[in-house]
Amino acid sequence: KPGILFGNTYGCGAWSYLWQISVSLSIFLVICLSITRTIALIRPFTKLRVRNLIIAVVLNLALQIALRIGLHVMDVTKIVFLSSVAQCGLIARALPGDKEMNTF
């Protein structure tokens, strides 16, 4: 049973977007941390500019949001409650020639 939050299309969509964006953002932040540590090990006295890091994180976040919403607006994906795993998810719509739908 989906419940109050996941039974609503908007609640399910908001949860799905937040979940996927937070996962991809955390992966990107780990990449940024690895790059800055590598630079600090190679050149220990070089001062890193935090402004460049903030710009990269904001651009990545904006790209992730635009990509997720753009795919939904173009009807490439739809948001559904997946009762088999009890969570909301994005489902790729079947295109004319596809035999099955993919979950991502």
PDB file of N, CA and C in Angstrom:
ATOM      1  N   LYS A   1       0.845  -1.178   0.000  1.00  0.00           N
ATOM      2  CA  LYS A   1       0.000   0.000   0.000  1.00  0.00           C
ATOM      3  C   LYS A   1       0.890   1.240   0.000  1.00  0.00           C
ATOM      4  N   PRO A   2       0.707   2.158  -0.925  1.00  0.00           N
ATOM      5  CA  PRO A   2       1.617   3.297  -1.034  1.00  0.00           C
ATOM      6  C   PRO A   2       1.555   4.299   0.112  1.00  0.00           C
ATOM      7  N   GLY A   3       0.456   4.472   0.766  1.00  0.00           N
ATOM      8  CA  GLY A   3       0.370   5.445   1.848  1.00  0.00           C
ATOM      9  C   GLY A   3       0.039   6.833   1.352  1.00  0.00           C
ATOM     10  N   ILE A   4       0.139   7.812   2.251  1.00  0.00           N
ATOM     11  CA  ILE A   4      -0.263   9.183   1.925  1.00  0.00           C
ATOM     12  C   ILE A   4       0.752   9.859   1.010  1.00  0.00           C
ATOM     13  N   LEU A   5       2.026   9.793   1.347  1.00  0.00           N
ATOM     14  CA  LEU A   5       3.053  10.488   0.550  1.00  0.00           C
ATOM     15  C   LEU A   5       3.250   9.837  -0.805  1.00  0.00           C
ATOM     16  N   PHE A   6       3.397   8.524  -0.830  1.00  0.00           N
ATOM     17  CA  PHE A   6       3.705   7.844  -2.078  1.00  0.00           C
ATOM     18  C   PHE A   6       2.465   7.550  -2.914  1.00  0.00           C
ATOM     19  N   GLY A   7       1.285   7.665  -2.327  1.00  0.00           N
ATOM     20  CA  GLY A   7       0.061   7.479  -3.094  1.00  0.00           C
ATOM     21  C   GLY A   7      -0.249   8.674  -3.969  1.00  0.00           C
ATOM     22  N   ASN A   8       0.337   9.820  -3.655  1.00  0.00           N
ATOM     23  CA  ASN A   8       0.144  11.046  -4.406  1.00  0.00           C
ATOM     24  C   ASN A   8       1.226  11.140  -5.489  1.00  0.00           C
ATOM     25  N   THR A   9       0.843  11.517  -6.695  1.00  0.00           N
ATOM     26  CA  THR A   9       1.808  11.620  -7.793  1.00  0.00           C
ATOM     27  C   THR A   9       2.893  12.662  -7.502  1.00  0.00           C
ATOM     28  N   TYR A  10       2.506  13.794  -6.918  1.00  0.00           N
ATOM     29  CA  TYR A  10       3.477  14.846  -6.647  1.00  0.00           C
ATOM     30  C   TYR A  10       4.421  14.454  -5.511  1.00  0.00           C
ATOM     31  N   GLY A  11       3.909  13.833  -4.490  1.00  0.00           N
ATOM     32  CA  GLY A  11       4.758  13.385  -3.387  1.00  0.00           C
ATOM     33  C   GLY A  11       5.731  12.312  -3.832  1.00  0.00           C
ATOM     34  N   CYS A  12       5.226  11.387  -4.638  1.00  0.00           N
ATOM     35  CA  CYS A  12       6.073  10.311  -5.153  1.00  0.00           C
ATOM     36  C   CYS A  12       7.155  10.887  -6.081  1.00  0.00           C
ATOM     37  N   GLY A  13       6.775  11.843  -6.909  1.00  0.00           N
ATOM     38  CA  GLY A  13       7.736  12.467  -7.821  1.00  0.00           C
ATOM     39  C   GLY A  13       8.803  13.248  -7.086  1.00  0.00           C
ATOM     40  N   ALA A  14       8.385  14.012  -6.073  1.00  0.00           N
ATOM     41  CA  ALA A  14       9.352  14.791  -5.297  1.00  0.00           C
ATOM     42  C   ALA A  14      10.333  13.864  -4.591  1.00  0.00           C
ATOM     43  N   TRP A  15       9.833  12.769  -4.003  1.00  0.00           N
ATOM     44  CA  TRP A  15      10.712  11.817  -3.328  1.00  0.00           C
ATOM     45  C   TRP A  15      11.675  11.169  -4.317  1.00  0.00           C
ATOM     46  N   SER A  16      11.173  10.806  -5.481  1.00  0.00           N
ATOM     47  CA  SER A  16      12.015  10.159  -6.486  1.00  0.00           C
ATOM     48  C   SER A  16      13.119  11.099  -6.960  1.00  0.00           C
ATOM     49  N   TYR A  17      12.770  12.353  -7.239  1.00  0.00           N
ATOM     50  CA  TYR A  17      13.776  13.327  -7.666  1.00  0.00           C
ATOM     51  C   TYR A  17      14.811  13.563  -6.575  1.00  0.00           C
ATOM     52  N   LEU A  18      14.361  13.765  -5.337  1.00  0.00           N
ATOM     53  CA  LEU A  18      15.294  14.016  -4.238  1.00  0.00           C
ATOM     54  C   LEU A  18      16.224  12.831  -4.017  1.00  0.00           C
ATOM     55  N   TRP A  19      15.685  11.633  -4.093  1.00  0.00           N
ATOM     56  CA  TRP A  19      16.501  10.435  -3.863  1.00  0.00           C
ATOM     57  C   TRP A  19      17.574  10.302  -4.947  1.00  0.00           C
ATOM     58  N   GLN A  20      17.191  10.418  -6.207  1.00  0.00           N
ATOM     59  CA  GLN A  20      18.151  10.229  -7.290  1.00  0.00           C
ATOM     60  C   GLN A  20      19.181  11.351  -7.349  1.00  0.00           C
ATOM     61  N   ILE A  21      18.760  12.564  -7.102  1.00  0.00           N
ATOM     62  CA  ILE A  21      19.695  13.685  -7.142  1.00  0.00           C
ATOM     63  C   ILE A  21      20.671  13.610  -5.969  1.00  0.00           C
ATOM     64  N   SER A  22      20.200  13.197  -4.791  1.00  0.00           N
ATOM     65  CA  SER A  22      21.115  13.096  -3.649  1.00  0.00           C
ATOM     66  C   SER A  22      22.157  11.998  -3.860  1.00  0.00           C
ATOM     67  N   VAL A  23      21.765  10.904  -4.494  1.00  0.00           N
ATOM     68  CA  VAL A  23      22.730   9.832  -4.773  1.00  0.00           C
ATOM     69  C   VAL A  23      23.787  10.316  -5.759  1.00  0.00           C
ATOM     70  N   SER A  24      23.355  10.937  -6.856  1.00  0.00           N
ATOM     71  CA  SER A  24      24.328  11.393  -7.860  1.00  0.00           C
ATOM     72  C   SER A  24      25.192  12.536  -7.329  1.00  0.00           C
ATOM     73  N   LEU A  25      24.615  13.392  -6.486  1.00  0.00           N
ATOM     74  CA  LEU A  25      25.394  14.487  -5.917  1.00  0.00           C
ATOM     75  C   LEU A  25      26.445  13.956  -4.933  1.00  0.00           C
ATOM     76  N   SER A  26      26.101  12.943  -4.163  1.00  0.00           N
ATOM     77  CA  SER A  26      27.090  12.390  -3.226  1.00  0.00           C
ATOM     78  C   SER A  26      28.246  11.732  -3.977  1.00  0.00           C
ATOM     79  N   ILE A  27      27.960  11.082  -5.092  1.00  0.00           N
ATOM     80  CA  ILE A  27      29.031  10.500  -5.908  1.00  0.00           C
ATOM     81  C   ILE A  27      29.931  11.602  -6.459  1.00  0.00           C
ATOM     82  N   PHE A  28      29.333  12.690  -6.932  1.00  0.00           N
ATOM     83  CA  PHE A  28      30.113  13.804  -7.464  1.00  0.00           C
ATOM     84  C   PHE A  28      30.974  14.450  -6.376  1.00  0.00           C
ATOM     85  N   LEU A  29      30.432  14.553  -5.161  1.00  0.00           N
ATOM     86  CA  LEU A  29      31.211  15.147  -4.070  1.00  0.00           C
ATOM     87  C   LEU A  29      32.399  14.274  -3.686  1.00  0.00           C
ATOM     88  N   VAL A  30      32.242  12.968  -3.744  1.00  0.00           N
ATOM     89  CA  VAL A  30      33.371  12.072  -3.479  1.00  0.00           C
ATOM     90  C   VAL A  30      34.441  12.239  -4.562  1.00  0.00           C
ATOM     91  N   ILE A  31      34.015  12.408  -5.801  1.00  0.00           N
ATOM     92  CA  ILE A  31      34.972  12.654  -6.887  1.00  0.00           C
ATOM     93  C   ILE A  31      35.725  13.956  -6.647  1.00  0.00           C
ATOM     94  N   CYS A  32      34.996  15.003  -6.251  1.00  0.00           N
ATOM     95  CA  CYS A  32      35.652  16.290  -5.963  1.00  0.00           C
ATOM     96  C   CYS A  32      36.634  16.170  -4.813  1.00  0.00           C
ATOM     97  N   LEU A  33      36.260  15.438  -3.780  1.00  0.00           N
ATOM     98  CA  LEU A  33      37.157  15.235  -2.646  1.00  0.00           C
ATOM     99  C   LEU A  33      38.419  14.493  -3.065  1.00  0.00           C
ATOM    100  N   SER A  34      38.270  13.487  -3.898  1.00  0.00           N
ATOM    101  CA  SER A  34      39.426  12.726  -4.369  1.00  0.00           C
ATOM    102  C   SER A  34      40.353  13.596  -5.204  1.00  0.00           C
ATOM    103  N   ILE A  35      39.790  14.426  -6.047  1.00  0.00           N
ATOM    104  CA  ILE A  35      40.605  15.307  -6.888  1.00  0.00           C
ATOM    105  C   ILE A  35      41.350  16.336  -6.041  1.00  0.00           C
ATOM    106  N   THR A  36      40.664  16.944  -5.078  1.00  0.00           N
ATOM    107  CA  THR A  36      41.337  17.956  -4.258  1.00  0.00           C
ATOM    108  C   THR A  36      42.416  17.334  -3.366  1.00  0.00           C
ATOM    109  N   ARG A  37      42.202  16.123  -2.883  1.00  0.00           N
ATOM    110  CA  ARG A  37      43.241  15.459  -2.080  1.00  0.00           C
ATOM    111  C   ARG A  37      44.445  15.087  -2.941  1.00  0.00           C
ATOM    112  N   THR A  38      44.184  14.663  -4.172  1.00  0.00           N
ATOM    113  CA  THR A  38      45.288  14.337  -5.068  1.00  0.00           C
ATOM    114  C   THR A  38      46.119  15.580  -5.370  1.00  0.00           C
ATOM    115  N   ILE A  39      45.454  16.700  -5.611  1.00  0.00           N
ATOM    116  CA  ILE A  39      46.173  17.953  -5.860  1.00  0.00           C
ATOM    117  C   ILE A  39      46.970  18.357  -4.620  1.00  0.00           C
ATOM    118  N   ALA A  40      46.374  18.172  -3.441  1.00  0.00           N
ATOM    119  CA  ALA A  40      47.080  18.532  -2.206  1.00  0.00           C
ATOM    120  C   ALA A  40      48.292  17.642  -1.958  1.00  0.00           C
ATOM    121  N   LEU A  41      48.227  16.394  -2.390  1.00  0.00           N
ATOM    122  CA  LEU A  41      49.382  15.506  -2.224  1.00  0.00           C
ATOM    123  C   LEU A  41      50.485  15.816  -3.228  1.00  0.00           C
ATOM    124  N   ILE A  42      50.099  16.149  -4.454  1.00  0.00           N
ATOM    125  CA  ILE A  42      51.093  16.433  -5.488  1.00  0.00           C
ATOM    126  C   ILE A  42      51.768  17.776  -5.235  1.00  0.00           C
ATOM    127  N   ARG A  43      50.983  18.777  -4.909  1.00  0.00           N
ATOM    128  CA  ARG A  43      51.504  20.124  -4.638  1.00  0.00           C
ATOM    129  C   ARG A  43      50.998  20.587  -3.274  1.00  0.00           C
ATOM    130  N   PRO A  44      51.692  20.256  -2.207  1.00  0.00           N
ATOM    131  CA  PRO A  44      51.176  20.509  -0.854  1.00  0.00           C
ATOM    132  C   PRO A  44      51.031  21.986  -0.480  1.00  0.00           C
ATOM    133  N   PHE A  45      51.761  22.878  -1.120  1.00  0.00           N
ATOM    134  CA  PHE A  45      51.710  24.290  -0.732  1.00  0.00           C
ATOM    135  C   PHE A  45      50.824  25.125  -1.652  1.00  0.00           C
ATOM    136  N   THR A  46      50.129  24.476  -2.560  1.00  0.00           N
ATOM    137  CA  THR A  46      49.220  25.192  -3.451  1.00  0.00           C
ATOM    138  C   THR A  46      47.889  25.405  -2.741  1.00  0.00           C
ATOM    139  N   LYS A  47      47.436  26.643  -2.721  1.00  0.00           N
ATOM    140  CA  LYS A  47      46.153  26.944  -2.095  1.00  0.00           C
ATOM    141  C   LYS A  47      45.045  26.675  -3.122  1.00  0.00           C
ATOM    142  N   LEU A  48      44.104  25.843  -2.746  1.00  0.00           N
ATOM    143  CA  LEU A  48      42.989  25.519  -3.639  1.00  0.00           C
ATOM    144  C   LEU A  48      41.896  26.570  -3.504  1.00  0.00           C
ATOM    145  N   ARG A  49      41.292  26.911  -4.614  1.00  0.00           N
ATOM    146  CA  ARG A  49      40.221  27.899  -4.609  1.00  0.00           C
ATOM    147  C   ARG A  49      38.884  27.209  -4.372  1.00  0.00           C
ATOM    148  N   VAL A  50      38.250  27.568  -3.308  1.00  0.00           N
ATOM    149  CA  VAL A  50      36.970  26.976  -2.944  1.00  0.00           C
ATOM    150  C   VAL A  50      35.874  27.432  -3.914  1.00  0.00           C
ATOM    151  N   ARG A  51      36.037  28.616  -4.467  1.00  0.00           N
ATOM    152  CA  ARG A  51      35.052  29.161  -5.400  1.00  0.00           C
ATOM    153  C   ARG A  51      34.877  28.247  -6.602  1.00  0.00           C
ATOM    154  N   ASN A  52      35.982  27.705  -7.130  1.00  0.00           N
ATOM    155  CA  ASN A  52      35.890  26.802  -8.280  1.00  0.00           C
ATOM    156  C   ASN A  52      35.147  25.521  -7.924  1.00  0.00           C
ATOM    157  N   LEU A  53      35.363  25.025  -6.729  1.00  0.00           N
ATOM    158  CA  LEU A  53      34.682  23.824  -6.272  1.00  0.00           C
ATOM    159  C   LEU A  53      33.178  24.073  -6.105  1.00  0.00           C
ATOM    160  N   ILE A  54      32.829  25.210  -5.549  1.00  0.00           N
ATOM    161  CA  ILE A  54      31.410  25.549  -5.376  1.00  0.00           C
ATOM    162  C   ILE A  54      30.722  25.702  -6.724  1.00  0.00           C
ATOM    163  N   ILE A  55      31.395  26.319  -7.676  1.00  0.00           N
ATOM    164  CA  ILE A  55      30.822  26.471  -9.020  1.00  0.00           C
ATOM    165  C   ILE A  55      30.595  25.109  -9.661  1.00  0.00           C
ATOM    166  N   ALA A  56      31.546  24.197  -9.502  1.00  0.00           N
ATOM    167  CA  ALA A  56      31.390  22.857 -10.082  1.00  0.00           C
ATOM    168  C   ALA A  56      30.224  22.107  -9.446  1.00  0.00           C
ATOM    169  N   VAL A  57      30.065  22.217  -8.134  1.00  0.00           N
ATOM    170  CA  VAL A  57      28.968  21.530  -7.453  1.00  0.00           C
ATOM    171  C   VAL A  57      27.622  22.110  -7.862  1.00  0.00           C
ATOM    172  N   VAL A  58      27.526  23.423  -7.943  1.00  0.00           N
ATOM    173  CA  VAL A  58      26.262  24.059  -8.340  1.00  0.00           C
ATOM    174  C   VAL A  58      25.914  23.711  -9.787  1.00  0.00           C
ATOM    175  N   LEU A  59      26.902  23.713 -10.677  1.00  0.00           N
ATOM    176  CA  LEU A  59      26.640  23.343 -12.071  1.00  0.00           C
ATOM    177  C   LEU A  59      26.204  21.884 -12.192  1.00  0.00           C
ATOM    178  N   ASN A  60      26.822  21.005 -11.436  1.00  0.00           N
ATOM    179  CA  ASN A  60      26.429  19.598 -11.461  1.00  0.00           C
ATOM    180  C   ASN A  60      25.004  19.429 -10.946  1.00  0.00           C
ATOM    181  N   LEU A  61      24.668  20.109  -9.860  1.00  0.00           N
ATOM    182  CA  LEU A  61      23.329  20.024  -9.300  1.00  0.00           C
ATOM    183  C   LEU A  61      22.282  20.555 -10.284  1.00  0.00           C
ATOM    184  N   ALA A  62      22.580  21.676 -10.923  1.00  0.00           N
ATOM    185  CA  ALA A  62      21.654  22.241 -11.912  1.00  0.00           C
ATOM    186  C   ALA A  62      21.484  21.312 -13.108  1.00  0.00           C
ATOM    187  N   LEU A  63      22.572  20.692 -13.553  1.00  0.00           N
ATOM    188  CA  LEU A  63      22.496  19.754 -14.668  1.00  0.00           C
ATOM    189  C   LEU A  63      21.670  18.533 -14.303  1.00  0.00           C
ATOM    190  N   GLN A  64      21.850  18.013 -13.103  1.00  0.00           N
ATOM    191  CA  GLN A  64      21.080  16.851 -12.659  1.00  0.00           C
ATOM    192  C   GLN A  64      19.594  17.158 -12.598  1.00  0.00           C
ATOM    193  N   ILE A  65      19.243  18.315 -12.043  1.00  0.00           N
ATOM    194  CA  ILE A  65      17.831  18.703 -11.958  1.00  0.00           C
ATOM    195  C   ILE A  65      17.242  18.904 -13.340  1.00  0.00           C
ATOM    196  N   ALA A  66      17.962  19.599 -14.214  1.00  0.00           N
ATOM    197  CA  ALA A  66      17.462  19.840 -15.571  1.00  0.00           C
ATOM    198  C   ALA A  66      17.296  18.540 -16.345  1.00  0.00           C
ATOM    199  N   LEU A  67      18.217  17.619 -16.175  1.00  0.00           N
ATOM    200  CA  LEU A  67      18.132  16.345 -16.874  1.00  0.00           C
ATOM    201  C   LEU A  67      16.930  15.534 -16.401  1.00  0.00           C
ATOM    202  N   ARG A  68      16.744  15.431 -15.090  1.00  0.00           N
ATOM    203  CA  ARG A  68      15.627  14.646 -14.552  1.00  0.00           C
ATOM    204  C   ARG A  68      14.281  15.244 -14.953  1.00  0.00           C
ATOM    205  N   ILE A  69      14.145  16.548 -14.795  1.00  0.00           N
ATOM    206  CA  ILE A  69      12.871  17.185 -15.132  1.00  0.00           C
ATOM    207  C   ILE A  69      12.664  17.198 -16.641  1.00  0.00           C
ATOM    208  N   GLY A  70      13.735  17.398 -17.400  1.00  0.00           N
ATOM    209  CA  GLY A  70      13.615  17.397 -18.862  1.00  0.00           C
ATOM    210  C   GLY A  70      13.148  16.069 -19.408  1.00  0.00           C
ATOM    211  N   LEU A  71      13.666  14.965 -18.874  1.00  0.00           N
ATOM    212  CA  LEU A  71      13.219  13.650 -19.320  1.00  0.00           C
ATOM    213  C   LEU A  71      11.765  13.404 -18.957  1.00  0.00           C
ATOM    214  N   HIS A  72      11.348  13.925 -17.813  1.00  0.00           N
ATOM    215  CA  HIS A  72       9.955  13.740 -17.403  1.00  0.00           C
ATOM    216  C   HIS A  72       9.006  14.593 -18.251  1.00  0.00           C
ATOM    217  N   VAL A  73       9.406  15.817 -18.543  1.00  0.00           N
ATOM    218  CA  VAL A  73       8.560  16.718 -19.340  1.00  0.00           C
ATOM    219  C   VAL A  73       8.434  16.221 -20.777  1.00  0.00           C
ATOM    220  N   MET A  74       9.496  15.632 -21.319  1.00  0.00           N
ATOM    221  CA  MET A  74       9.452  15.126 -22.695  1.00  0.00           C
ATOM    222  C   MET A  74       8.773  13.763 -22.782  1.00  0.00           C
ATOM    223  N   ASP A  75       8.192  13.302 -21.687  1.00  0.00           N
ATOM    224  CA  ASP A  75       7.491  12.018 -21.613  1.00  0.00           C
ATOM    225  C   ASP A  75       8.376  10.825 -21.934  1.00  0.00           C
ATOM    226  N   VAL A  76       9.651  10.926 -21.626  1.00  0.00           N
ATOM    227  CA  VAL A  76      10.546   9.783 -21.771  1.00  0.00           C
ATOM    228  C   VAL A  76      10.406   8.882 -20.543  1.00  0.00           C
ATOM    229  N   THR A  77      10.157   9.484 -19.385  1.00  0.00           N
ATOM    230  CA  THR A  77       9.981   8.725 -18.149  1.00  0.00           C
ATOM    231  C   THR A  77       8.657   9.078 -17.501  1.00  0.00           C
ATOM    232  N   LYS A  78       8.198   8.205 -16.632  1.00  0.00           N
ATOM    233  CA  LYS A  78       7.035   8.508 -15.800  1.00  0.00           C
ATOM    234  C   LYS A  78       7.335   8.050 -14.385  1.00  0.00           C
ATOM    235  N   ILE A  79       6.697   8.682 -13.414  1.00  0.00           N
ATOM    236  CA  ILE A  79       6.922   8.374 -12.017  1.00  0.00           C
ATOM    237  C   ILE A  79       5.810   7.448 -11.546  1.00  0.00           C
ATOM    238  N   VAL A  80       6.194   6.318 -10.967  1.00  0.00           N
ATOM    239  CA  VAL A  80       5.222   5.350 -10.466  1.00  0.00           C
ATOM    240  C   VAL A  80       5.679   4.828  -9.113  1.00  0.00           C
ATOM    241  N   PHE A  81       4.727   4.284  -8.348  1.00  0.00           N
ATOM    242  CA  PHE A  81       5.050   3.608  -7.103  1.00  0.00           C
ATOM    243  C   PHE A  81       5.286   2.147  -7.428  1.00  0.00           C
ATOM    244  N   LEU A  82       6.485   1.669  -7.122  1.00  0.00           N
ATOM    245  CA  LEU A  82       6.840   0.279  -7.392  1.00  0.00           C
ATOM    246  C   LEU A  82       6.521  -0.552  -6.155  1.00  0.00           C
ATOM    247  N   SER A  83       5.409  -1.265  -6.187  1.00  0.00           N
ATOM    248  CA  SER A  83       4.973  -2.007  -5.010  1.00  0.00           C
ATOM    249  C   SER A  83       5.892  -3.184  -4.697  1.00  0.00           C
ATOM    250  N   SER A  84       6.629  -3.692  -5.687  1.00  0.00           N
ATOM    251  CA  SER A  84       7.516  -4.828  -5.447  1.00  0.00           C
ATOM    252  C   SER A  84       8.681  -4.474  -4.531  1.00  0.00           C
ATOM    253  N   VAL A  85       9.125  -3.227  -4.579  1.00  0.00           N
ATOM    254  CA  VAL A  85      10.221  -2.785  -3.715  1.00  0.00           C
ATOM    255  C   VAL A  85       9.780  -1.682  -2.756  1.00  0.00           C
ATOM    256  N   ALA A  86       8.499  -1.334  -2.785  1.00  0.00           N
ATOM    257  CA  ALA A  86       7.897  -0.338  -1.894  1.00  0.00           C
ATOM    258  C   ALA A  86       8.600   1.012  -1.956  1.00  0.00           C
ATOM    259  N   GLN A  87       8.807   1.520  -3.148  1.00  0.00           N
ATOM    260  CA  GLN A  87       9.383   2.851  -3.315  1.00  0.00           C
ATOM    261  C   GLN A  87       8.927   3.448  -4.637  1.00  0.00           C
ATOM    262  N   CYS A  88       9.117   4.752  -4.750  1.00  0.00           N
ATOM    263  CA  CYS A  88       8.792   5.444  -5.991  1.00  0.00           C
ATOM    264  C   CYS A  88       9.976   5.343  -6.935  1.00  0.00           C
ATOM    265  N   GLY A  89       9.712   5.356  -8.208  1.00  0.00           N
ATOM    266  CA  GLY A  89      10.795   5.269  -9.170  1.00  0.00           C
ATOM    267  C   GLY A  89      10.421   5.853 -10.506  1.00  0.00           C
ATOM    268  N   LEU A  90      11.426   6.099 -11.303  1.00  0.00           N
ATOM    269  CA  LEU A  90      11.217   6.574 -12.663  1.00  0.00           C
ATOM    270  C   LEU A  90      11.221   5.371 -13.598  1.00  0.00           C
ATOM    271  N   ILE A  91      10.224   5.277 -14.417  1.00  0.00           N
ATOM    272  CA  ILE A  91      10.103   4.179 -15.365  1.00  0.00           C
ATOM    273  C   ILE A  91      10.215   4.764 -16.765  1.00  0.00           C
ATOM    274  N   ALA A  92      11.061   4.163 -17.599  1.00  0.00           N
ATOM    275  CA  ALA A  92      11.184   4.602 -18.988  1.00  0.00           C
ATOM    276  C   ALA A  92       9.950   4.135 -19.746  1.00  0.00           C
ATOM    277  N   ARG A  93       9.361   5.043 -20.482  1.00  0.00           N
ATOM    278  CA  ARG A  93       8.197   4.681 -21.283  1.00  0.00           C
ATOM    279  C   ARG A  93       8.649   3.856 -22.478  1.00  0.00           C
ATOM    280  N   ALA A  94       7.846   2.907 -22.850  1.00  0.00           N
ATOM    281  CA  ALA A  94       8.173   2.073 -24.011  1.00  0.00           C
ATOM    282  C   ALA A  94       8.002   2.893 -25.279  1.00  0.00           C
ATOM    283  N   LEU A  95       9.007   2.901 -26.091  1.00  0.00           N
ATOM    284  CA  LEU A  95       8.941   3.593 -27.374  1.00  0.00           C
ATOM    285  C   LEU A  95       8.369   2.634 -28.405  1.00  0.00           C
ATOM    286  N   PRO A  96       7.883   3.144 -29.540  1.00  0.00           N
ATOM    287  CA  PRO A  96       7.254   2.248 -30.496  1.00  0.00           C
ATOM    288  C   PRO A  96       8.227   1.225 -31.027  1.00  0.00           C
ATOM    289  N   GLY A  97       8.582   0.217 -30.791  1.00  0.00           N
ATOM    290  CA  GLY A  97       9.585  -0.718 -31.253  1.00  0.00           C
ATOM    291  C   GLY A  97      10.239  -1.422 -30.091  1.00  0.00           C
ATOM    292  N   ASP A  98      10.092  -0.861 -28.874  1.00  0.00           N
ATOM    293  CA  ASP A  98      10.646  -1.511 -27.680  1.00  0.00           C
ATOM    294  C   ASP A  98       9.704  -2.627 -27.235  1.00  0.00           C
ATOM    295  N   LYS A  99      10.273  -3.694 -26.726  1.00  0.00           N
ATOM    296  CA  LYS A  99       9.455  -4.809 -26.275  1.00  0.00           C
ATOM    297  C   LYS A  99       9.139  -4.726 -24.785  1.00  0.00           C
ATOM    298  N   GLU A 100       9.992  -4.073 -23.989  1.00  0.00           N
ATOM    299  CA  GLU A 100       9.743  -3.988 -22.562  1.00  0.00           C
ATOM    300  C   GLU A 100      10.209  -2.647 -22.040  1.00  0.00           C
ATOM    301  N   MET A 101       9.770  -2.294 -20.835  1.00  0.00           N
ATOM    302  CA  MET A 101      10.142  -1.024 -20.220  1.00  0.00           C
ATOM    303  C   MET A 101      11.274  -1.257 -19.233  1.00  0.00           C
ATOM    304  N   ASN A 102      12.174  -0.308 -19.136  1.00  0.00           N
ATOM    305  CA  ASN A 102      13.334  -0.416 -18.251  1.00  0.00           C
ATOM    306  C   ASN A 102      13.160   0.488 -17.046  1.00  0.00           C
ATOM    307  N   THR A 103      13.635   0.061 -15.881  1.00  0.00           N
ATOM    308  CA  THR A 103      13.613   0.873 -14.664  1.00  0.00           C
ATOM    309  C   THR A 103      15.015   1.399 -14.408  1.00  0.00           C
ATOM    310  N   PHE A 104      15.116   2.683 -14.076  1.00  0.00           N
ATOM    311  CA  PHE A 104      16.405   3.247 -13.678  1.00  0.00           C
ATOM    312  C   PHE A 104      16.216   4.278 -12.615  1.00  0.00           C
TER     313      PHE A 104
END
